């Protein structure tokens, strides 16, 4: 069974890779490994060594600490858990949510602000 820290770090790798719009293949090539190894890191099946995490952080232009953010509150369950408002508790593991965030930040800032205000109004209604 994978260690919860390895699972968390793997989710953060996947999260950052999706936000950056990178494929597993692209990340693997940037780090100099096979994409299957990235798959194993992202699931927590394999632990990421310190030097490899350093390389991954450099390839994705974040600090190493990024991969440990939120570790104190990381959920360690195998069953899907949903937040009180009906969304997935693990947004880092939800591809649809990450795709939405990436698309959101591609919108020009003035339009993005208006969309954000609309989303807040709609979510308050629900």
N, C-alpha and C. Protein backbone atom coordinates (compact mmCIF):
# COMPACT_ATOMS: atom_id res chain seq x y z
N UNK A 1 0.85 -1.18 0.00
CA UNK A 1 0.00 0.00 0.00
C UNK A 1 0.90 1.24 0.00
N UNK A 2 0.62 2.20 -0.90
CA UNK A 2 1.45 3.41 -0.98
C UNK A 2 1.34 4.25 0.29
N UNK A 3 2.42 4.92 0.62
CA UNK A 3 2.42 5.82 1.77
C UNK A 3 1.61 7.07 1.42
N UNK A 4 0.83 7.61 2.36
CA UNK A 4 0.00 8.78 2.06
C UNK A 4 0.80 9.98 1.53
N UNK A 5 2.02 10.16 1.98
CA UNK A 5 2.83 11.27 1.47
C UNK A 5 3.18 11.05 0.01
N UNK A 6 3.49 9.82 -0.37
CA UNK A 6 3.80 9.53 -1.77
C UNK A 6 2.57 9.77 -2.65
N UNK A 7 1.40 9.42 -2.15
CA UNK A 7 0.16 9.65 -2.90
C UNK A 7 -0.07 11.15 -3.06
N UNK A 8 0.14 11.90 -1.99
CA UNK A 8 -0.07 13.35 -2.04
C UNK A 8 0.90 14.00 -3.03
N UNK A 9 2.16 13.66 -2.95
CA UNK A 9 3.16 14.22 -3.86
C UNK A 9 2.80 13.86 -5.30
N UNK A 10 2.37 12.63 -5.53
CA UNK A 10 1.96 12.21 -6.88
C UNK A 10 0.79 13.01 -7.40
N UNK A 11 -0.19 13.29 -6.53
CA UNK A 11 -1.33 14.09 -6.94
C UNK A 11 -0.90 15.51 -7.29
N UNK A 12 0.05 16.03 -6.53
CA UNK A 12 0.54 17.39 -6.80
C UNK A 12 1.32 17.43 -8.12
N UNK A 13 2.05 16.37 -8.42
CA UNK A 13 2.75 16.30 -9.70
C UNK A 13 1.72 16.32 -10.83
N UNK A 14 0.69 15.48 -10.72
CA UNK A 14 -0.35 15.43 -11.73
C UNK A 14 -1.06 16.78 -11.86
N UNK A 15 -1.39 17.37 -10.73
CA UNK A 15 -2.06 18.68 -10.69
C UNK A 15 -1.25 19.73 -11.45
N UNK A 16 0.02 19.83 -11.15
CA UNK A 16 0.87 20.83 -11.79
C UNK A 16 1.03 20.53 -13.27
N UNK A 17 1.17 19.25 -13.60
CA UNK A 17 1.34 18.86 -15.01
C UNK A 17 0.10 19.25 -15.80
N UNK A 18 -1.09 18.99 -15.26
CA UNK A 18 -2.33 19.36 -15.95
C UNK A 18 -2.44 20.87 -16.10
N UNK A 19 -2.13 21.61 -15.04
CA UNK A 19 -2.21 23.07 -15.12
C UNK A 19 -1.24 23.61 -16.16
N UNK A 20 -0.10 22.97 -16.28
CA UNK A 20 0.90 23.41 -17.26
C UNK A 20 0.56 22.93 -18.66
N UNK A 21 -0.44 22.06 -18.79
CA UNK A 21 -0.83 21.55 -20.09
C UNK A 21 0.17 20.55 -20.66
N UNK A 22 0.90 19.88 -19.78
CA UNK A 22 1.91 18.90 -20.20
C UNK A 22 1.33 17.49 -20.18
N UNK A 23 1.79 16.67 -21.09
CA UNK A 23 1.45 15.25 -21.05
C UNK A 23 2.47 14.54 -20.18
N UNK A 24 2.16 13.32 -19.81
CA UNK A 24 3.13 12.52 -19.06
C UNK A 24 4.40 12.32 -19.89
N UNK A 25 4.22 12.14 -21.17
CA UNK A 25 5.36 11.96 -22.08
C UNK A 25 6.26 13.19 -22.08
N UNK A 26 5.67 14.36 -22.17
CA UNK A 26 6.45 15.60 -22.20
C UNK A 26 7.24 15.79 -20.90
N UNK A 27 6.58 15.52 -19.78
CA UNK A 27 7.27 15.65 -18.49
C UNK A 27 8.40 14.64 -18.39
N UNK A 28 8.12 13.41 -18.80
CA UNK A 28 9.14 12.36 -18.74
C UNK A 28 10.35 12.74 -19.57
N UNK A 29 10.12 13.25 -20.77
CA UNK A 29 11.24 13.66 -21.63
C UNK A 29 12.04 14.80 -21.00
N UNK A 30 11.34 15.74 -20.38
CA UNK A 30 12.02 16.87 -19.75
C UNK A 30 12.90 16.42 -18.58
N UNK A 31 12.50 15.33 -17.93
CA UNK A 31 13.23 14.84 -16.76
C UNK A 31 14.22 13.74 -17.15
N UNK A 32 14.01 13.13 -18.32
CA UNK A 32 14.92 12.09 -18.77
C UNK A 32 14.57 10.69 -18.30
N UNK A 33 13.25 10.43 -18.19
CA UNK A 33 12.79 9.09 -17.78
C UNK A 33 11.66 8.65 -18.71
N UNK A 34 11.15 7.46 -18.51
CA UNK A 34 10.03 6.94 -19.30
C UNK A 34 8.72 7.45 -18.72
N UNK A 35 7.71 7.62 -19.58
CA UNK A 35 6.43 8.14 -19.10
C UNK A 35 5.76 7.19 -18.11
N UNK A 36 6.07 5.90 -18.20
CA UNK A 36 5.48 4.95 -17.26
C UNK A 36 5.91 5.27 -15.82
N UNK A 37 7.13 5.80 -15.68
CA UNK A 37 7.60 6.16 -14.35
C UNK A 37 6.80 7.35 -13.82
N UNK A 38 6.47 8.29 -14.69
CA UNK A 38 5.63 9.42 -14.28
C UNK A 38 4.27 8.90 -13.81
N UNK A 39 3.72 7.92 -14.54
CA UNK A 39 2.45 7.32 -14.13
C UNK A 39 2.55 6.75 -12.73
N UNK A 40 3.63 6.05 -12.45
CA UNK A 40 3.82 5.44 -11.13
C UNK A 40 3.99 6.49 -10.05
N UNK A 41 4.68 7.57 -10.36
CA UNK A 41 4.81 8.66 -9.39
C UNK A 41 3.45 9.28 -9.09
N UNK A 42 2.67 9.54 -10.14
CA UNK A 42 1.38 10.21 -9.97
C UNK A 42 0.38 9.39 -9.18
N UNK A 43 0.47 8.09 -9.23
CA UNK A 43 -0.44 7.25 -8.45
C UNK A 43 0.09 6.96 -7.05
N UNK A 44 1.34 7.30 -6.82
CA UNK A 44 1.95 7.00 -5.53
C UNK A 44 2.49 5.59 -5.46
N UNK A 45 2.43 4.86 -6.56
CA UNK A 45 2.92 3.48 -6.58
C UNK A 45 4.43 3.44 -6.37
N UNK A 46 5.13 4.44 -6.90
CA UNK A 46 6.58 4.56 -6.71
C UNK A 46 6.87 5.87 -6.00
N UNK A 47 7.82 5.83 -5.10
CA UNK A 47 8.25 7.05 -4.42
C UNK A 47 9.15 7.86 -5.34
N UNK A 48 9.06 9.16 -5.20
CA UNK A 48 9.90 10.07 -5.97
C UNK A 48 11.11 10.41 -5.11
N UNK A 49 12.31 10.14 -5.62
CA UNK A 49 13.51 10.49 -4.87
C UNK A 49 13.64 12.01 -4.82
N UNK A 50 14.44 12.50 -3.87
CA UNK A 50 14.63 13.94 -3.72
C UNK A 50 15.21 14.55 -4.99
N UNK A 51 16.20 13.90 -5.58
CA UNK A 51 16.81 14.47 -6.79
C UNK A 51 15.84 14.45 -7.96
N UNK A 52 15.03 13.42 -8.07
CA UNK A 52 14.04 13.35 -9.15
C UNK A 52 12.97 14.41 -8.94
N UNK A 53 12.54 14.61 -7.70
CA UNK A 53 11.55 15.65 -7.41
C UNK A 53 12.11 17.02 -7.75
N UNK A 54 13.39 17.21 -7.50
CA UNK A 54 14.06 18.46 -7.86
C UNK A 54 14.00 18.67 -9.38
N UNK A 55 14.27 17.60 -10.14
CA UNK A 55 14.22 17.68 -11.60
C UNK A 55 12.81 17.96 -12.09
N UNK A 56 11.82 17.31 -11.50
CA UNK A 56 10.42 17.50 -11.88
C UNK A 56 9.99 18.94 -11.59
N UNK A 57 10.37 19.44 -10.43
CA UNK A 57 10.04 20.82 -10.06
C UNK A 57 10.63 21.80 -11.07
N UNK A 58 11.87 21.56 -11.46
CA UNK A 58 12.51 22.44 -12.44
C UNK A 58 11.82 22.39 -13.79
N UNK A 59 11.43 21.19 -14.21
CA UNK A 59 10.76 21.03 -15.50
C UNK A 59 9.39 21.71 -15.51
N UNK A 60 8.75 21.77 -14.33
CA UNK A 60 7.42 22.37 -14.25
C UNK A 60 7.43 23.77 -13.65
N UNK A 61 8.64 24.31 -13.44
CA UNK A 61 8.82 25.68 -13.00
C UNK A 61 8.11 26.01 -11.69
N UNK A 62 8.27 25.12 -10.71
CA UNK A 62 7.78 25.37 -9.35
C UNK A 62 8.87 24.98 -8.38
N UNK A 63 8.76 25.44 -7.15
CA UNK A 63 9.68 25.02 -6.11
C UNK A 63 9.32 23.63 -5.62
N UNK A 64 10.26 22.94 -5.03
CA UNK A 64 10.01 21.59 -4.51
C UNK A 64 8.90 21.61 -3.46
N UNK A 65 8.83 22.68 -2.69
CA UNK A 65 7.81 22.79 -1.63
C UNK A 65 6.39 22.71 -2.18
N UNK A 66 6.21 23.07 -3.46
CA UNK A 66 4.88 23.00 -4.08
C UNK A 66 4.25 21.62 -3.90
N UNK A 67 5.06 20.59 -4.00
CA UNK A 67 4.54 19.22 -3.97
C UNK A 67 4.10 18.77 -2.58
N UNK A 68 4.45 19.55 -1.57
CA UNK A 68 4.07 19.21 -0.20
C UNK A 68 3.00 20.12 0.36
N UNK A 69 2.59 21.12 -0.40
CA UNK A 69 1.55 22.03 0.07
C UNK A 69 0.27 21.25 0.35
N UNK A 70 -0.36 21.56 1.48
CA UNK A 70 -1.63 20.93 1.84
C UNK A 70 -1.50 19.54 2.41
N UNK A 71 -0.29 19.10 2.70
CA UNK A 71 -0.10 17.73 3.18
C UNK A 71 -0.78 17.49 4.52
N UNK A 72 -0.89 18.51 5.35
CA UNK A 72 -1.53 18.34 6.66
C UNK A 72 -3.00 17.99 6.54
N UNK A 73 -3.63 18.47 5.47
CA UNK A 73 -5.06 18.24 5.31
C UNK A 73 -5.38 17.24 4.21
N UNK A 74 -4.36 16.59 3.68
CA UNK A 74 -4.58 15.65 2.57
C UNK A 74 -5.48 14.51 3.02
N UNK A 75 -6.47 14.21 2.23
CA UNK A 75 -7.37 13.09 2.50
C UNK A 75 -6.67 11.80 2.07
N UNK A 76 -6.76 10.79 2.91
CA UNK A 76 -6.13 9.52 2.58
C UNK A 76 -7.21 8.45 2.57
N UNK A 77 -8.00 8.46 1.51
CA UNK A 77 -9.05 7.46 1.36
C UNK A 77 -9.00 6.89 -0.04
N UNK A 78 -9.57 5.74 -0.20
CA UNK A 78 -9.65 5.15 -1.54
C UNK A 78 -11.03 5.36 -2.14
N UNK A 79 -12.03 5.62 -1.30
CA UNK A 79 -13.38 5.85 -1.80
C UNK A 79 -13.54 7.32 -2.16
N UNK A 80 -14.32 7.61 -3.20
CA UNK A 80 -14.54 9.01 -3.54
C UNK A 80 -15.32 9.71 -2.43
N UNK A 81 -14.84 10.88 -2.04
CA UNK A 81 -15.49 11.65 -1.00
C UNK A 81 -15.91 12.98 -1.61
N UNK A 82 -17.11 13.43 -1.31
CA UNK A 82 -17.59 14.69 -1.87
C UNK A 82 -17.75 15.71 -0.76
N UNK A 83 -17.42 16.95 -1.09
CA UNK A 83 -17.52 18.05 -0.14
C UNK A 83 -18.98 18.35 0.13
N UNK A 84 -19.22 19.12 1.17
CA UNK A 84 -20.57 19.43 1.59
C UNK A 84 -21.38 20.11 0.49
N UNK A 85 -20.72 20.88 -0.38
CA UNK A 85 -21.45 21.60 -1.42
C UNK A 85 -21.61 20.78 -2.69
N UNK A 86 -21.24 19.50 -2.67
CA UNK A 86 -21.51 18.64 -3.80
C UNK A 86 -20.36 18.44 -4.76
N UNK A 87 -19.21 19.06 -4.54
CA UNK A 87 -18.08 18.89 -5.44
C UNK A 87 -17.12 17.86 -4.90
N UNK A 88 -16.17 17.42 -5.71
CA UNK A 88 -15.20 16.44 -5.24
C UNK A 88 -14.31 17.04 -4.17
N UNK A 89 -14.02 16.28 -3.12
CA UNK A 89 -13.17 16.76 -2.05
C UNK A 89 -11.74 16.89 -2.52
N UNK A 90 -11.33 16.09 -3.48
CA UNK A 90 -9.96 16.12 -3.97
C UNK A 90 -9.92 16.78 -5.34
N UNK A 91 -9.89 18.10 -5.36
CA UNK A 91 -9.87 18.82 -6.62
C UNK A 91 -8.59 18.55 -7.40
N UNK A 92 -7.50 18.22 -6.70
CA UNK A 92 -6.25 17.94 -7.40
C UNK A 92 -6.36 16.68 -8.24
N UNK A 93 -7.24 15.78 -7.86
CA UNK A 93 -7.40 14.55 -8.60
C UNK A 93 -8.52 14.59 -9.62
N UNK A 94 -9.20 15.73 -9.74
CA UNK A 94 -10.34 15.84 -10.65
C UNK A 94 -9.90 16.55 -11.93
N UNK A 95 -9.75 15.79 -13.00
CA UNK A 95 -9.26 16.34 -14.27
C UNK A 95 -10.18 17.43 -14.79
N UNK A 96 -11.49 17.25 -14.65
CA UNK A 96 -12.43 18.25 -15.14
C UNK A 96 -12.21 19.59 -14.43
N UNK A 97 -12.00 19.56 -13.12
CA UNK A 97 -11.77 20.79 -12.37
C UNK A 97 -10.47 21.46 -12.81
N UNK A 98 -9.44 20.67 -13.02
CA UNK A 98 -8.17 21.25 -13.45
C UNK A 98 -8.25 21.80 -14.87
N UNK A 99 -8.98 21.12 -15.74
CA UNK A 99 -9.18 21.65 -17.10
C UNK A 99 -9.95 22.97 -17.04
N UNK A 100 -10.93 23.05 -16.15
CA UNK A 100 -11.70 24.28 -15.99
C UNK A 100 -10.80 25.42 -15.50
N UNK A 101 -9.93 25.14 -14.55
CA UNK A 101 -9.01 26.17 -14.03
C UNK A 101 -8.07 26.63 -15.13
N UNK A 102 -7.53 25.70 -15.90
CA UNK A 102 -6.63 26.07 -16.99
C UNK A 102 -7.36 26.95 -18.01
N UNK A 103 -8.59 26.58 -18.36
CA UNK A 103 -9.37 27.38 -19.30
C UNK A 103 -9.69 28.76 -18.73
N UNK A 104 -10.02 28.80 -17.45
CA UNK A 104 -10.34 30.05 -16.77
C UNK A 104 -9.18 31.04 -16.88
N UNK A 105 -7.97 30.58 -16.63
CA UNK A 105 -6.82 31.47 -16.67
C UNK A 105 -6.39 31.84 -18.09
N UNK A 106 -6.97 31.19 -19.08
CA UNK A 106 -6.69 31.55 -20.47
C UNK A 106 -7.58 32.71 -20.93
N UNK A 107 -8.60 33.03 -20.16
CA UNK A 107 -9.53 34.12 -20.47
C UNK A 107 -8.87 35.45 -20.08
N UNK A 108 -9.02 36.49 -20.89
CA UNK A 108 -8.47 37.80 -20.52
C UNK A 108 -8.97 38.25 -19.15
N UNK A 109 -8.12 38.95 -18.42
CA UNK A 109 -8.38 39.26 -17.01
C UNK A 109 -9.71 39.96 -16.76
N UNK A 110 -10.06 40.97 -17.56
CA UNK A 110 -11.31 41.69 -17.31
C UNK A 110 -12.53 40.78 -17.49
N UNK A 111 -12.49 39.92 -18.50
CA UNK A 111 -13.59 38.98 -18.71
C UNK A 111 -13.58 37.90 -17.63
N UNK A 112 -12.39 37.49 -17.22
CA UNK A 112 -12.27 36.46 -16.18
C UNK A 112 -12.90 36.95 -14.88
N UNK A 113 -12.69 38.21 -14.54
CA UNK A 113 -13.27 38.77 -13.31
C UNK A 113 -14.79 38.73 -13.36
N UNK A 114 -15.35 39.07 -14.52
CA UNK A 114 -16.81 39.05 -14.67
C UNK A 114 -17.34 37.62 -14.57
N UNK A 115 -16.63 36.69 -15.17
CA UNK A 115 -17.03 35.28 -15.09
C UNK A 115 -16.96 34.79 -13.64
N UNK A 116 -15.92 35.19 -12.94
CA UNK A 116 -15.78 34.82 -11.53
C UNK A 116 -16.95 35.35 -10.71
N UNK A 117 -17.32 36.62 -10.92
CA UNK A 117 -18.45 37.20 -10.20
C UNK A 117 -19.74 36.44 -10.50
N UNK A 118 -19.94 36.08 -11.77
CA UNK A 118 -21.12 35.31 -12.15
C UNK A 118 -21.13 33.95 -11.44
N UNK A 119 -20.01 33.28 -11.43
CA UNK A 119 -19.91 31.96 -10.79
C UNK A 119 -20.23 32.06 -9.30
N UNK A 120 -19.75 33.10 -8.66
CA UNK A 120 -20.03 33.28 -7.22
C UNK A 120 -21.52 33.48 -6.98
N UNK A 121 -22.17 34.28 -7.84
CA UNK A 121 -23.60 34.51 -7.69
C UNK A 121 -24.35 33.19 -7.89
N UNK A 122 -24.01 32.45 -8.92
CA UNK A 122 -24.70 31.18 -9.18
C UNK A 122 -24.46 30.17 -8.07
N UNK A 123 -23.27 30.13 -7.51
CA UNK A 123 -23.00 29.16 -6.44
C UNK A 123 -23.70 29.54 -5.15
N UNK A 124 -23.91 30.82 -4.92
CA UNK A 124 -24.65 31.25 -3.72
C UNK A 124 -26.11 30.88 -3.82
N UNK A 125 -26.63 30.80 -5.04
CA UNK A 125 -28.02 30.44 -5.25
C UNK A 125 -28.24 28.95 -4.99
N UNK A 126 -27.27 28.15 -5.36
CA UNK A 126 -27.41 26.69 -5.27
C UNK A 126 -27.48 26.19 -3.89
